[in-house]
Amino acid sequence: MRTARFIAAGAAARHALLALPIGFVAAFLVAPLGLTIVISFWERAGLRIRPAFTLKSYEAFFDGVRLLVFERSLLVAVEATAISLLLAYPIAYFLATKARPRDARLVLTLFTVPFLINYIIRTFAWTYLLGRTGPVNGFLMWAGIADQPLDWLLYSDFAVFVGLIISYMPFMIFPLWLSIAGIDPRLVEASWMLGARPARTFLRVTLPLSLPGIFAAIIFGFVGCFGESAVPIILGGVGYQLMGNTITSTMDVMNYPLAAAMSSVVVLAMAVLLGAWLLAFDMRSFLGKILRWRA
């Protein structure tokens, strides 16, 4: 009898502890998203909006130039995420397998230092670094690589990619490091003992076991790049449109139903990606030894 009461009390305590985060997510995430979806069906009346149920905003999005912006944003986000992954994985692999734990923690801490500076200020700094009179062009001319300043370094696709990669690549290192560090080293040692070369061991053991971390890193990078608004404006120049700043400009003219419709489509794309991750990977395999879940 006492055991049953103890179990019931423990279950009640767990539910009480879960109530706070669930309530927070419901109030500050689910409710605003739901309101955004509702407003996307409203209609614009002059400078105001009024409740309705119309698909005009979605028709304006899918039939207009904004759909091309959506496709371009999707392509840019995929490319920037892929490049970021190619840069982040070797760093995370080295920190998880080669570096001493103390050194790894120091390097991971250093990756967080830039985020102590305002995001907009960090992005504006690249306009000086990549400008005609900036250090990058100065170095290229000093080294004899270029005879004159390169204009395409700034206000171009290249500058936007630099801004996106610098902004979101550090976020990708952490889940990769967690995933690789959680791999049982005995599996790698067993592969070596069976005569597998290091490259084969990596491809057949380390890489497959780190796939949950790779997918999590892709989500972090893709979501950030796909919804970015400041980088295209600052580093892409006037007229450079991605979904983030397109939604912002739509809100500036107070077309809230259209902005809500575009935001809803973006959120749906993110939800599909997250749902695929939840279906494909087990959270326990992602966190490995670092965190164990009990059924």
Protein backbone atom coordinates (compact mmCIF):
# COMPACT_ATOMS: atom_id res chain seq x y z
CA MET A 1 0.00 0.00 0.00
CA ARG A 2 2.76 2.37 0.93
CA THR A 3 4.66 1.43 -2.20
CA ALA A 4 1.65 2.27 -4.37
CA ARG A 5 1.25 5.62 -2.65
CA PHE A 6 4.95 6.35 -3.07
CA ILE A 7 4.78 5.54 -6.79
CA ALA A 8 1.66 7.69 -7.18
CA ALA A 9 3.33 10.58 -5.35
CA GLY A 10 6.42 10.28 -7.56
CA ALA A 11 4.28 10.30 -10.70
CA ALA A 12 2.41 13.38 -9.48
CA ALA A 13 5.70 15.15 -8.75
CA ARG A 14 7.00 14.39 -12.24
CA HIS A 15 3.82 15.71 -13.82
CA ALA A 16 4.05 18.86 -11.70
CA LEU A 17 7.63 19.43 -12.80
CA LEU A 18 6.63 18.97 -16.43
CA ALA A 19 3.73 21.41 -16.12
CA LEU A 20 6.00 24.46 -16.00
CA PRO A 21 7.98 23.86 -19.21
CA ILE A 22 4.86 22.63 -21.02
CA GLY A 23 2.97 25.74 -19.94
CA PHE A 24 5.86 27.95 -21.02
CA VAL A 25 6.02 26.35 -24.47
CA ALA A 26 2.26 26.55 -24.85
CA ALA A 27 2.09 30.22 -23.85
CA PHE A 28 5.14 31.57 -25.67
CA LEU A 29 5.48 29.23 -28.66
CA VAL A 30 2.32 27.33 -29.53
CA ALA A 31 -0.08 30.22 -28.89
CA PRO A 32 1.85 32.80 -31.02
CA LEU A 33 2.23 30.26 -33.84
CA GLY A 34 -1.46 29.48 -33.68
CA LEU A 35 -2.30 33.20 -33.79
CA THR A 36 0.00 33.63 -36.78
CA ILE A 37 -1.81 30.88 -38.67
CA VAL A 38 -5.18 32.41 -37.81
CA ILE A 39 -4.13 35.88 -39.00
CA SER A 40 -2.86 34.40 -42.27
CA PHE A 41 -6.50 33.76 -43.22
CA TRP A 42 -7.65 37.28 -42.35
CA GLU A 43 -7.97 40.00 -44.95
CA ARG A 44 -6.49 43.45 -45.25
CA ALA A 45 -8.86 46.43 -45.17
CA GLY A 46 -6.91 49.59 -45.90
CA LEU A 47 -4.35 50.02 -43.17
CA ARG A 48 -6.14 47.57 -40.92
CA ILE A 49 -6.91 43.87 -40.94
CA ARG A 50 -10.19 42.21 -40.12
CA PRO A 51 -11.14 38.64 -39.23
CA ALA A 52 -12.15 36.52 -42.21
CA PHE A 53 -11.43 33.19 -43.81
CA THR A 54 -9.76 33.81 -47.13
CA LEU A 55 -6.85 32.27 -49.02
CA LYS A 56 -5.87 35.51 -50.73
CA SER A 57 -2.64 35.84 -48.77
CA TYR A 58 -1.55 32.31 -49.69
CA GLU A 59 -2.53 32.91 -53.32
CA ALA A 60 -0.46 36.12 -53.35
CA PHE A 61 2.46 34.18 -51.93
CA PHE A 62 2.39 31.15 -54.24
CA ASP A 63 1.44 33.05 -57.41
CA GLY A 64 3.84 35.97 -57.01
CA VAL A 65 7.55 36.66 -56.95
CA ARG A 66 7.63 35.75 -53.26
CA LEU A 67 7.52 32.07 -54.21
CA LEU A 68 10.77 32.59 -56.13
CA VAL A 69 12.21 34.20 -53.00
CA PHE A 70 11.08 31.16 -51.02
CA GLU A 71 12.81 28.81 -53.47
CA ARG A 72 15.95 30.94 -53.46
CA SER A 73 15.95 31.05 -49.65
CA LEU A 74 15.58 27.28 -49.53
CA LEU A 75 18.52 26.80 -51.90
CA VAL A 76 20.72 29.30 -50.04
CA ALA A 77 19.86 27.70 -46.69
CA VAL A 78 20.70 24.22 -47.99
CA GLU A 79 24.02 25.34 -49.48
CA ALA A 80 25.05 27.37 -46.42
CA THR A 81 24.10 24.48 -44.12
CA ALA A 82 26.08 21.99 -46.20
CA ILE A 83 29.19 24.18 -46.17
CA SER A 84 28.80 24.79 -42.43
CA LEU A 85 28.51 21.05 -41.82
CA LEU A 86 31.70 20.37 -43.79
CA LEU A 87 33.50 22.91 -41.60
CA ALA A 88 31.89 21.98 -38.27
CA TYR A 89 32.25 18.20 -38.41
CA PRO A 90 36.08 18.06 -38.52
CA ILE A 91 36.24 20.56 -35.66
CA ALA A 92 33.77 18.59 -33.55
CA TYR A 93 35.50 15.30 -34.41
CA PHE A 94 38.89 16.62 -33.33
CA LEU A 95 37.51 18.04 -30.09
CA ALA A 96 35.68 14.81 -29.26
CA THR A 97 38.38 12.29 -30.16
CA LYS A 98 41.78 13.96 -30.24
CA ALA A 99 41.76 16.93 -27.88
CA ARG A 100 42.02 16.63 -24.11
CA PRO A 101 38.71 17.24 -22.31
CA ARG A 102 40.03 20.44 -20.74
CA ASP A 103 41.20 21.79 -24.10
CA ALA A 104 37.91 20.79 -25.75
CA ARG A 105 35.92 22.67 -23.14
CA LEU A 106 38.13 25.74 -23.65
CA VAL A 107 37.67 25.70 -27.43
CA LEU A 108 33.91 25.22 -27.11
CA THR A 109 33.81 28.16 -24.72
CA LEU A 110 35.74 30.29 -27.21
CA PHE A 111 33.12 29.49 -29.85
CA THR A 112 30.53 31.14 -27.62
CA VAL A 113 32.53 34.35 -27.03
CA PRO A 114 31.42 36.09 -30.28
CA PHE A 115 27.82 35.78 -29.14
CA LEU A 116 28.59 38.17 -26.30
CA ILE A 117 28.67 40.90 -28.96
CA ASN A 118 25.44 42.14 -30.48
CA TYR A 119 24.46 40.13 -33.54
CA ILE A 120 23.92 43.20 -35.74
CA ILE A 121 27.29 44.67 -34.76
CA ARG A 122 29.02 41.40 -35.64
CA THR A 123 27.35 41.37 -39.03
CA PHE A 124 28.21 45.01 -39.72
CA ALA A 125 31.86 44.23 -38.89
CA TRP A 126 31.99 42.06 -42.00
CA THR A 127 31.11 45.03 -44.20
CA TYR A 128 34.44 46.56 -43.15
CA LEU A 129 36.40 43.30 -43.40
CA LEU A 130 35.11 42.53 -46.91
CA GLY A 131 34.98 46.14 -48.18
CA ARG A 132 37.21 47.62 -50.88
CA THR A 133 39.48 49.19 -48.25
CA GLY A 134 39.12 46.34 -45.74
CA PRO A 135 41.75 43.90 -44.49
CA VAL A 136 40.72 41.07 -46.83
CA ASN A 137 41.19 43.10 -50.00
CA GLY A 138 44.32 44.63 -48.52
CA PHE A 139 45.82 41.19 -47.91
CA LEU A 140 44.90 39.92 -51.39
CA MET A 141 46.62 42.88 -53.04
CA TRP A 142 49.62 42.65 -50.71
CA ALA A 143 50.04 38.94 -51.51
CA GLY A 144 49.75 39.61 -55.24
CA ILE A 145 46.57 37.54 -55.59
CA ALA A 146 44.58 40.54 -56.83
CA ASP A 147 45.71 43.68 -58.67
CA GLN A 148 42.79 45.77 -57.43
CA PRO A 149 40.07 45.52 -54.78
CA LEU A 150 37.52 42.79 -55.46
CA ASP A 151 34.02 44.22 -55.51
CA TRP A 152 32.29 40.82 -55.30
CA LEU A 153 33.53 40.23 -51.76
CA LEU A 154 30.79 42.49 -50.41
CA TYR A 155 27.10 42.95 -51.32
CA SER A 156 27.02 39.62 -53.09
CA ASP A 157 26.07 35.98 -52.66
CA PHE A 158 29.57 35.36 -51.33
CA ALA A 159 29.16 37.90 -48.54
CA VAL A 160 25.74 36.49 -47.60
CA PHE A 161 27.17 32.97 -47.40
CA VAL A 162 30.02 34.21 -45.22
CA GLY A 163 27.56 35.92 -42.89
CA LEU A 164 25.31 32.86 -42.65
CA ILE A 165 28.15 30.42 -42.07
CA ILE A 166 29.85 32.57 -39.45
CA SER A 167 26.53 33.12 -37.67
CA TYR A 168 25.28 29.53 -37.49
CA MET A 169 28.24 27.19 -37.92
CA PRO A 170 29.18 27.43 -34.20
CA PHE A 171 25.69 26.23 -33.26
CA MET A 172 26.30 23.11 -35.35
CA ILE A 173 29.53 22.19 -33.58
CA PHE A 174 27.89 21.50 -30.23
CA PRO A 175 25.41 18.75 -31.27
CA LEU A 176 28.11 17.17 -33.43
CA TRP A 177 30.53 17.15 -30.50
CA LEU A 178 27.88 15.67 -28.20
CA SER A 179 27.08 12.93 -30.68
CA ILE A 180 30.69 11.97 -31.44
CA ALA A 181 31.74 12.15 -27.79
CA GLY A 182 28.89 9.78 -26.90
CA ILE A 183 30.18 6.99 -29.17
CA ASP A 184 31.53 4.05 -27.18
CA PRO A 185 35.31 4.02 -27.87
CA ARG A 186 35.29 0.22 -27.55
CA LEU A 187 33.46 0.05 -30.89
CA VAL A 188 36.25 1.95 -32.60
CA GLU A 189 38.89 -0.18 -30.86
CA ALA A 190 37.10 -3.35 -31.96
CA SER A 191 37.16 -2.13 -35.56
CA TRP A 192 40.90 -1.56 -35.32
CA MET A 193 41.49 -4.97 -33.76
CA LEU A 194 39.62 -6.59 -36.65
CA GLY A 195 42.07 -4.98 -39.06
CA ALA A 196 40.01 -2.09 -40.42
CA ARG A 197 41.92 0.96 -41.56
CA PRO A 198 41.22 4.32 -39.87
CA ALA A 199 39.31 5.62 -42.89
CA ARG A 200 37.13 2.49 -43.03
CA THR A 201 36.55 2.66 -39.28
CA PHE A 202 35.40 6.23 -39.62
CA LEU A 203 33.06 5.50 -42.53
CA ARG A 204 31.59 2.29 -41.08
CA VAL A 205 31.54 3.07 -37.34
CA THR A 206 32.01 6.72 -36.37
CA LEU A 207 30.06 8.39 -39.15
CA PRO A 208 26.92 6.20 -38.90
CA LEU A 209 26.83 6.50 -35.11
CA SER A 210 27.15 10.28 -35.35
CA LEU A 211 24.25 10.63 -37.79
CA PRO A 212 21.80 11.83 -35.10
CA GLY A 213 24.19 14.67 -34.26
CA ILE A 214 24.63 15.45 -37.94
CA PHE A 215 20.89 15.70 -38.44
CA ALA A 216 20.51 17.86 -35.33
CA ALA A 217 23.28 20.15 -36.58
CA ILE A 218 21.55 20.39 -39.96
CA ILE A 219 18.35 21.47 -38.23
CA PHE A 220 20.15 24.16 -36.22
CA GLY A 221 21.94 25.47 -39.30
CA PHE A 222 19.04 25.22 -41.74
CA VAL A 223 16.47 26.83 -39.46
CA GLY A 224 18.77 29.77 -38.77
CA CYS A 225 19.80 30.30 -42.38
CA PHE A 226 16.28 29.87 -43.76
CA GLY A 227 14.77 32.47 -41.44
CA GLU A 228 17.67 34.95 -41.46
CA SER A 229 16.74 38.59 -42.04
CA ALA A 230 19.68 40.79 -41.02
CA VAL A 231 22.48 39.15 -43.02
CA PRO A 232 20.80 39.57 -46.46
CA ILE A 233 20.12 43.25 -45.78
CA ILE A 234 23.55 44.12 -44.36
CA LEU A 235 25.82 41.92 -46.49
CA GLY A 236 23.63 41.34 -49.53
CA GLY A 237 22.85 44.98 -50.20
CA VAL A 238 19.72 46.73 -51.40
CA GLY A 239 17.34 44.40 -53.21
CA TYR A 240 18.84 41.15 -51.92
CA GLN A 241 15.79 39.20 -50.79
CA LEU A 242 15.51 36.07 -48.68
CA MET A 243 12.44 34.94 -46.75
CA GLY A 244 13.46 36.59 -43.50
CA ASN A 245 13.81 40.13 -44.80
CA THR A 246 10.91 39.63 -47.22
CA ILE A 247 8.62 38.91 -44.28
CA THR A 248 10.07 41.92 -42.46
CA SER A 249 9.46 44.24 -45.42
CA THR A 250 5.92 42.90 -45.77
CA MET A 251 5.25 43.76 -42.14
CA ASP A 252 6.73 47.24 -42.68
CA VAL A 253 3.89 47.98 -45.10
CA MET A 254 1.45 46.51 -42.56
CA ASN A 255 0.35 43.62 -44.74
CA TYR A 256 0.12 41.33 -41.73
CA PRO A 257 -2.00 38.56 -43.30
CA LEU A 258 0.53 38.08 -46.10
CA ALA A 259 3.44 38.16 -43.64
CA ALA A 260 1.60 35.61 -41.47
CA ALA A 261 0.99 33.38 -44.48
CA MET A 262 4.67 33.43 -45.45
CA SER A 263 5.66 32.77 -41.84
CA SER A 264 3.24 29.84 -41.67
CA VAL A 265 4.77 28.26 -44.78
CA VAL A 266 8.26 28.67 -43.31
CA VAL A 267 7.16 27.16 -40.00
CA LEU A 268 5.57 24.24 -41.87
CA ALA A 269 8.85 23.58 -43.68
CA MET A 270 10.69 23.62 -40.34
CA ALA A 271 8.09 21.29 -38.78
CA VAL A 272 8.52 18.78 -41.60
CA LEU A 273 12.29 18.76 -41.06
CA LEU A 274 11.93 18.38 -37.30
CA GLY A 275 9.33 15.65 -37.72
CA ALA A 276 11.68 13.73 -40.01
CA TRP A 277 14.39 13.96 -37.36
CA LEU A 278 12.09 12.70 -34.61
CA LEU A 279 11.00 9.76 -36.77
CA ALA A 280 14.50 8.88 -37.96
CA PHE A 281 16.52 9.10 -34.74
CA ASP A 282 16.24 8.14 -31.13
CA MET A 283 17.09 10.93 -28.67
CA ARG A 284 19.04 8.44 -26.57
CA SER A 285 21.37 7.63 -29.48
CA PHE A 286 21.94 11.36 -30.02
CA LEU A 287 22.95 12.11 -26.45
CA GLY A 288 24.74 8.81 -25.90
CA LYS A 289 26.46 8.55 -22.57
CA ILE A 290 25.90 12.18 -21.68
CA LEU A 291 22.23 11.78 -20.87
CA ARG A 292 20.28 8.57 -20.31
CA TRP A 293 16.54 8.47 -20.61
CA ARG A 294 14.50 5.99 -18.62
CA ALA A 295 11.34 4.57 -19.99
